[in-house]
Amino acid sequence: MFFHRQFLRRVGRARKGLKGGDVRSVELNSGGNVLADEDKVPDSQVTIVLVRLPWVGATPEKVKDLGGGEFQIVDEEEKKGGSKCNALCEVGFSSGTEYFEVEVVEGSGAFIGVSTKAGFSEGYKIKGLFFGGPGNLSNGSAGLRTQFGQEVKPGSVIGVTLDLTDEKTVGITFWEGDTCLGEAFKDCAREPGAMVFPAVCASHSGDRFKLSLKRNPRKAKLVTPHPAVGCWDLQRLVVDGELVNLDAALTIKGKGKGKGYAAEGEESKGNIVMAISSRDMKLFKISLRLANTLMTSVPGESHEML
């Protein structure tokens, strides 16, 4: 036996005399897990959870709530290079550990995360904790870290694990599908017991998203790291066919002179250290630090060269 979203929505409308446009999200739980649409309903006890997940816009007319946790950006006056449209789900969290996912149905470049009612605003005035765009972290108004994950695009499913165990702070771990990106924000201050809400910063009219509340995060994929991943003592560097004098590079003035880059928690190695990282072997990120941090990326199909 299989259940389908259309059937569950009809059940939702029938409960408590809901109006036709007031579609609610229905989830089936069995053995502590939420069943997906394609899952077979077991013969054991199944719990039906009926939840309304309404979305609102910082500019109300720009966000259309489609029901069932889904919404779409509607901006008839959208201008090229204009400000982003922000949406917030009015189901908030204030304590414990919570997890939710936002699926990108249409559109690219969105930032997904959380905000508070006080911090929710239009455009770049919004205050929150977000991941998105080309794979960066942001506070809503400005970028905080680049290359934290992959680009957010149609089909992306961004998972958000909230740590609200301390009533005065917020912690977030982000997921892209089955890949855990790791802890993005830790001990971020909030008003004691203040609620945080799922929020999306969208880029264009027609962008569409769907929220799902989950009891537990996905099971992370176990990926064997490429042997090149790690920190390496840079002994030879060739740029455009010419050998770079590393001794001269170490004489550069400025913060980090002669120390190079060391992984978090490691002591400085006293030389130039190159760090190579990759989350899925589709893209390798390379960085080193002299006076500034120099960063570049190598496509996955070139990893044999590393």
Protein backbone atom coordinates (compact mmCIF):
# COMPACT_ATOMS: atom_id res chain seq x y z
CA MET A 1 0.00 0.00 0.00
CA PHE A 2 1.31 3.45 -0.94
CA PHE A 3 0.08 6.90 0.05
CA HIS A 4 0.13 9.92 -2.23
CA ARG A 5 0.34 13.66 -1.54
CA GLN A 6 -2.96 14.32 -3.34
CA PHE A 7 -4.78 11.87 -1.09
CA LEU A 8 -3.20 13.29 2.05
CA ARG A 9 -4.17 16.83 1.09
CA ARG A 10 -7.77 15.72 0.68
CA VAL A 11 -7.56 14.26 4.18
CA GLY A 12 -6.16 17.58 5.40
CA ARG A 13 -9.05 19.59 3.95
CA ALA A 14 -11.59 17.22 5.45
CA ARG A 15 -10.26 17.66 8.99
CA LYS A 16 -12.02 20.28 11.14
CA GLY A 17 -13.80 21.83 8.18
CA LEU A 18 -10.76 23.42 6.60
CA LYS A 19 -11.38 25.70 3.67
CA GLY A 20 -10.29 24.56 0.25
CA GLY A 21 -7.34 26.96 0.12
CA ASP A 22 -6.14 26.10 3.62
CA VAL A 23 -4.06 23.05 2.70
CA ARG A 24 -2.07 21.56 5.53
CA SER A 25 0.98 19.35 5.60
CA VAL A 26 0.25 15.74 6.53
CA GLU A 27 3.03 13.41 7.64
CA LEU A 28 2.93 9.72 8.52
CA ASN A 29 5.27 8.57 11.27
CA SER A 30 6.25 4.97 11.93
CA GLY A 31 8.93 3.73 14.31
CA GLY A 32 10.20 7.27 14.90
CA ASN A 33 10.68 7.97 11.19
CA VAL A 34 8.72 10.16 8.79
CA LEU A 35 7.57 8.17 5.76
CA ALA A 36 8.38 9.61 2.34
CA ASP A 37 5.73 9.76 -0.41
CA GLU A 38 7.16 6.67 -2.10
CA ASP A 39 7.44 4.59 1.10
CA LYS A 40 5.20 1.63 1.78
CA VAL A 41 2.90 2.07 4.77
CA PRO A 42 3.74 -0.69 7.29
CA ASP A 43 1.18 -2.85 9.06
CA SER A 44 2.43 -1.59 12.44
CA GLN A 45 1.14 1.51 14.21
CA VAL A 46 1.26 4.67 12.10
CA THR A 47 0.82 8.18 13.47
CA ILE A 48 -0.73 10.88 11.27
CA VAL A 49 0.51 14.40 11.95
CA LEU A 50 -1.45 17.33 10.52
CA VAL A 51 0.56 20.56 10.48
CA ARG A 52 -0.08 23.92 8.89
CA LEU A 53 3.12 25.55 7.60
CA PRO A 54 2.14 29.08 6.50
CA TRP A 55 4.66 31.28 4.71
CA VAL A 56 4.58 35.08 4.80
CA GLY A 57 6.62 37.65 2.94
CA ALA A 58 8.45 40.69 4.25
CA THR A 59 6.51 42.30 1.42
CA PRO A 60 3.28 40.27 1.73
CA GLU A 61 2.16 40.47 -1.89
CA LYS A 62 5.47 39.01 -3.12
CA VAL A 63 5.05 35.64 -1.38
CA LYS A 64 2.22 33.27 -2.33
CA ASP A 65 1.57 30.49 0.19
CA LEU A 66 0.67 27.36 -1.82
CA GLY A 67 -0.11 25.22 1.24
CA GLY A 68 1.55 22.08 2.52
CA GLY A 69 4.74 24.00 3.37
CA GLU A 70 5.16 25.24 -0.21
CA PHE A 71 5.37 28.84 -1.44
CA GLN A 72 6.29 30.84 -4.52
CA ILE A 73 7.77 34.28 -5.14
CA VAL A 74 5.42 36.55 -7.10
CA ASP A 75 7.01 39.86 -8.02
CA GLU A 76 5.45 41.54 -11.05
CA GLU A 77 7.73 44.57 -10.67
CA GLU A 78 10.98 42.61 -10.46
CA LYS A 79 13.93 44.55 -11.82
CA LYS A 80 17.23 43.19 -13.05
CA GLY A 81 19.75 43.38 -10.22
CA GLY A 82 17.01 44.26 -7.77
CA SER A 83 16.75 43.34 -4.10
CA LYS A 84 15.97 39.82 -2.95
CA CYS A 85 12.53 38.69 -1.74
CA ASN A 86 12.39 37.17 1.74
CA ALA A 87 9.89 34.68 3.15
CA LEU A 88 9.38 33.31 6.66
CA CYS A 89 7.43 30.27 7.87
CA GLU A 90 5.33 31.10 10.91
CA VAL A 91 6.16 27.82 12.66
CA GLY A 92 8.96 28.66 15.08
CA PHE A 93 11.33 26.85 17.42
CA SER A 94 12.62 27.96 20.81
CA SER A 95 14.31 25.02 22.56
CA GLY A 96 15.95 21.63 22.15
CA THR A 97 17.24 20.28 18.85
CA GLU A 98 15.16 20.62 15.69
CA TYR A 99 15.60 19.67 12.04
CA PHE A 100 13.85 20.82 8.87
CA GLU A 101 14.48 20.74 5.13
CA VAL A 102 13.74 23.19 2.35
CA GLU A 103 13.53 21.83 -1.18
CA VAL A 104 14.29 24.20 -4.05
CA VAL A 105 11.54 23.39 -6.55
CA GLU A 106 12.29 26.28 -8.92
CA GLY A 107 15.01 28.92 -8.96
CA SER A 108 18.67 29.23 -8.05
CA GLY A 109 20.84 31.37 -5.83
CA ALA A 110 18.54 31.32 -2.78
CA PHE A 111 19.79 31.49 0.80
CA ILE A 112 18.08 29.21 3.34
CA GLY A 113 18.24 29.32 7.12
CA VAL A 114 16.52 30.99 10.05
CA SER A 115 15.53 34.43 11.26
CA THR A 116 13.56 35.94 14.13
CA LYS A 117 10.41 38.02 13.90
CA ALA A 118 12.45 41.06 14.96
CA GLY A 119 15.17 40.37 12.38
CA PHE A 120 12.85 39.55 9.48
CA SER A 121 12.81 42.27 6.84
CA GLU A 122 12.93 42.75 3.07
CA GLY A 123 16.07 42.71 0.93
CA TYR A 124 19.44 42.91 2.61
CA LYS A 125 17.97 44.36 5.80
CA ILE A 126 17.07 40.86 7.01
CA LYS A 127 19.08 39.48 9.94
CA GLY A 128 19.56 35.75 10.31
CA LEU A 129 21.80 32.73 9.76
CA PHE A 130 21.83 31.43 6.18
CA PHE A 131 23.49 29.11 3.69
CA GLY A 132 23.02 29.40 -0.06
CA GLY A 133 23.86 31.18 -3.30
CA PRO A 134 27.06 29.65 -4.72
CA GLY A 135 27.55 27.74 -1.46
CA ASN A 136 28.30 30.53 1.02
CA LEU A 137 27.31 31.48 4.56
CA SER A 138 25.59 34.78 5.25
CA ASN A 139 23.93 36.77 8.03
CA GLY A 140 21.36 38.04 5.54
CA SER A 141 23.02 41.40 5.04
CA ALA A 142 26.55 40.29 4.14
CA GLY A 143 28.60 37.24 3.27
CA LEU A 144 30.48 35.53 6.09
CA ARG A 145 32.25 32.58 4.48
CA THR A 146 32.65 31.35 0.91
CA GLN A 147 32.77 27.81 -0.45
CA PHE A 148 31.08 26.21 2.55
CA GLY A 149 29.11 23.91 0.22
CA GLN A 150 27.82 23.57 -3.33
CA GLU A 151 25.61 25.95 -5.30
CA VAL A 152 21.92 26.01 -4.34
CA LYS A 153 19.86 25.27 -7.46
CA PRO A 154 16.65 23.53 -8.57
CA GLY A 155 16.47 20.10 -6.93
CA SER A 156 18.66 21.09 -3.99
CA VAL A 157 17.42 19.97 -0.58
CA ILE A 158 18.94 22.05 2.20
CA GLY A 159 18.71 20.55 5.68
CA VAL A 160 18.96 22.67 8.83
CA THR A 161 19.78 21.22 12.24
CA LEU A 162 19.05 23.75 14.99
CA ASP A 163 20.77 23.61 18.37
CA LEU A 164 18.57 25.58 20.78
CA THR A 165 19.58 23.74 23.93
CA ASP A 166 20.91 27.01 25.39
CA GLU A 167 18.06 29.52 25.64
CA LYS A 168 20.46 32.40 24.88
CA THR A 169 22.18 31.01 21.78
CA VAL A 170 21.56 29.38 18.39
CA GLY A 171 23.73 26.81 16.63
CA ILE A 172 23.22 25.52 13.08
CA THR A 173 24.53 22.60 11.06
CA PHE A 174 23.65 22.61 7.35
CA TRP A 175 23.06 19.68 4.99
CA GLU A 176 22.92 19.43 1.20
CA GLY A 177 20.89 16.32 0.50
CA ASP A 178 22.64 13.45 2.27
CA THR A 179 25.86 15.42 2.70
CA CYS A 180 26.43 17.04 6.08
CA LEU A 181 28.29 20.31 5.50
CA GLY A 182 29.17 20.60 9.17
CA GLU A 183 28.59 23.18 11.87
CA ALA A 184 28.14 26.59 10.27
CA PHE A 185 27.15 28.75 13.26
CA LYS A 186 27.84 28.17 16.93
CA ASP A 187 26.70 30.02 20.06
CA CYS A 188 25.09 32.88 18.12
CA ALA A 189 23.37 35.20 20.58
CA ARG A 190 19.59 35.53 20.83
CA GLU A 191 17.16 36.97 23.34
CA PRO A 192 16.52 34.37 26.10
CA GLY A 193 13.96 31.89 24.78
CA ALA A 194 13.41 33.85 21.56
CA MET A 195 11.87 31.82 18.74
CA VAL A 196 13.63 31.33 15.41
CA PHE A 197 11.76 30.60 12.18
CA PRO A 198 12.64 28.94 8.85
CA ALA A 199 13.43 31.67 6.34
CA VAL A 200 14.33 31.88 2.65
CA CYS A 201 15.96 34.75 0.77
CA ALA A 202 14.93 34.22 -2.87
CA SER A 203 16.34 35.84 -6.00
CA HIS A 204 13.62 35.93 -8.64
CA SER A 205 9.90 35.92 -9.27
CA GLY A 206 8.73 32.37 -9.92
CA ASP A 207 11.17 30.81 -7.45
CA ARG A 208 9.38 28.05 -5.53
CA PHE A 209 10.27 26.20 -2.34
CA LYS A 210 8.85 23.53 -0.05
CA LEU A 211 9.43 23.10 3.68
CA SER A 212 9.35 19.72 5.46
CA LEU A 213 9.63 19.21 9.19
CA LYS A 214 11.60 16.09 10.10
CA ARG A 215 12.15 14.28 13.36
CA ASN A 216 15.77 13.42 12.56
CA PRO A 217 18.42 14.52 10.06
CA ARG A 218 19.27 12.30 7.14
CA LYS A 219 21.94 9.64 7.45
CA ALA A 220 25.16 11.14 6.19
CA LYS A 221 26.88 9.45 3.27
CA LEU A 222 30.20 7.88 4.16
CA VAL A 223 32.75 9.23 1.68
CA THR A 224 36.37 8.04 1.64
CA PRO A 225 38.53 11.18 1.43
CA HIS A 226 40.79 11.63 -1.58
CA PRO A 227 44.45 11.05 -0.56
CA ALA A 228 45.27 14.65 -1.51
CA VAL A 229 42.89 16.08 1.11
CA GLY A 230 44.75 17.58 4.07
CA CYS A 231 47.50 20.10 4.88
CA TRP A 232 50.71 19.99 2.85
CA ASP A 233 54.10 21.67 3.15
CA LEU A 234 54.36 23.67 -0.09
CA GLN A 235 57.85 23.03 -1.46
CA ARG A 236 57.45 23.92 -5.14
CA LEU A 237 55.00 26.20 -6.95
CA VAL A 238 54.73 26.73 -10.70
CA VAL A 239 52.55 29.52 -12.12
CA ASP A 240 52.04 29.80 -15.89
CA GLY A 241 55.02 27.56 -16.43
CA GLU A 242 57.37 29.60 -14.24
CA LEU A 243 58.83 28.44 -10.95
CA VAL A 244 57.90 30.73 -8.03
CA ASN A 245 60.64 31.62 -5.52
CA LEU A 246 59.07 30.52 -2.23
CA ASP A 247 61.93 31.96 -0.18
CA ALA A 248 61.07 35.39 -1.52
CA ALA A 249 57.41 34.80 -0.78
CA LEU A 250 58.19 34.14 2.88
CA THR A 251 59.81 37.56 3.24
CA ILE A 252 56.50 39.31 2.55
CA LYS A 253 55.33 41.68 5.26
CA GLY A 254 51.98 41.44 6.94
CA LYS A 255 49.92 39.25 9.21
CA GLY A 256 50.74 35.60 8.74
CA LYS A 257 54.25 36.26 7.48
CA GLY A 258 56.24 33.04 7.37
CA LYS A 259 53.52 31.06 9.16
CA GLY A 260 51.48 29.78 6.29
CA TYR A 261 48.10 28.15 6.80
CA ALA A 262 47.49 25.59 9.52
CA ALA A 263 44.25 23.69 10.03
CA GLU A 264 42.06 24.81 12.92
CA GLY A 265 43.50 23.61 16.20
CA GLU A 266 46.99 23.02 14.77
CA GLU A 267 50.08 25.02 15.66
CA SER A 268 51.72 27.13 12.98
CA LYS A 269 54.14 25.10 10.89
CA GLY A 270 56.49 28.05 10.34
CA ASN A 271 56.40 27.74 6.56
CA ILE A 272 53.93 27.85 3.67
CA VAL A 273 51.23 25.25 4.14
CA MET A 274 48.66 24.46 1.46
CA ALA A 275 45.29 23.10 2.55
CA ILE A 276 43.24 20.92 0.20
CA SER A 277 39.63 20.03 1.03
CA SER A 278 36.70 18.41 -0.75
CA ARG A 279 33.24 17.42 0.47
CA ASP A 280 32.17 15.23 -2.43
CA MET A 281 35.21 14.97 -4.77
CA LYS A 282 33.30 17.06 -7.33
CA LEU A 283 35.25 20.16 -6.36
CA PHE A 284 38.59 20.51 -4.57
CA LYS A 285 39.32 23.73 -2.68
CA ILE A 286 42.92 24.84 -2.31
CA SER A 287 44.09 27.60 0.02
CA LEU A 288 47.30 28.98 1.47
CA ARG A 289 48.09 31.98 3.64
CA LEU A 290 50.90 34.50 3.43
CA ALA A 291 49.89 38.09 4.16
CA ASN A 292 46.44 37.21 2.77
CA THR A 293 44.59 33.95 2.23
CA LEU A 294 44.84 32.79 -1.38
CA MET A 295 42.11 30.43 -2.56
CA THR A 296 41.22 28.57 -5.74
CA SER A 297 39.20 25.52 -6.83
CA VAL A 298 39.92 22.51 -9.03
CA PRO A 299 37.06 20.61 -10.75
CA GLY A 300 36.54 17.02 -9.70
CA GLU A 301 37.44 15.63 -13.13
CA SER A 302 40.96 17.03 -12.59
CA HIS A 303 41.50 15.33 -9.22
CA GLU A 304 43.88 12.79 -10.77
CA MET A 305 46.34 15.67 -11.14
CA LEU A 306 46.44 16.34 -7.37
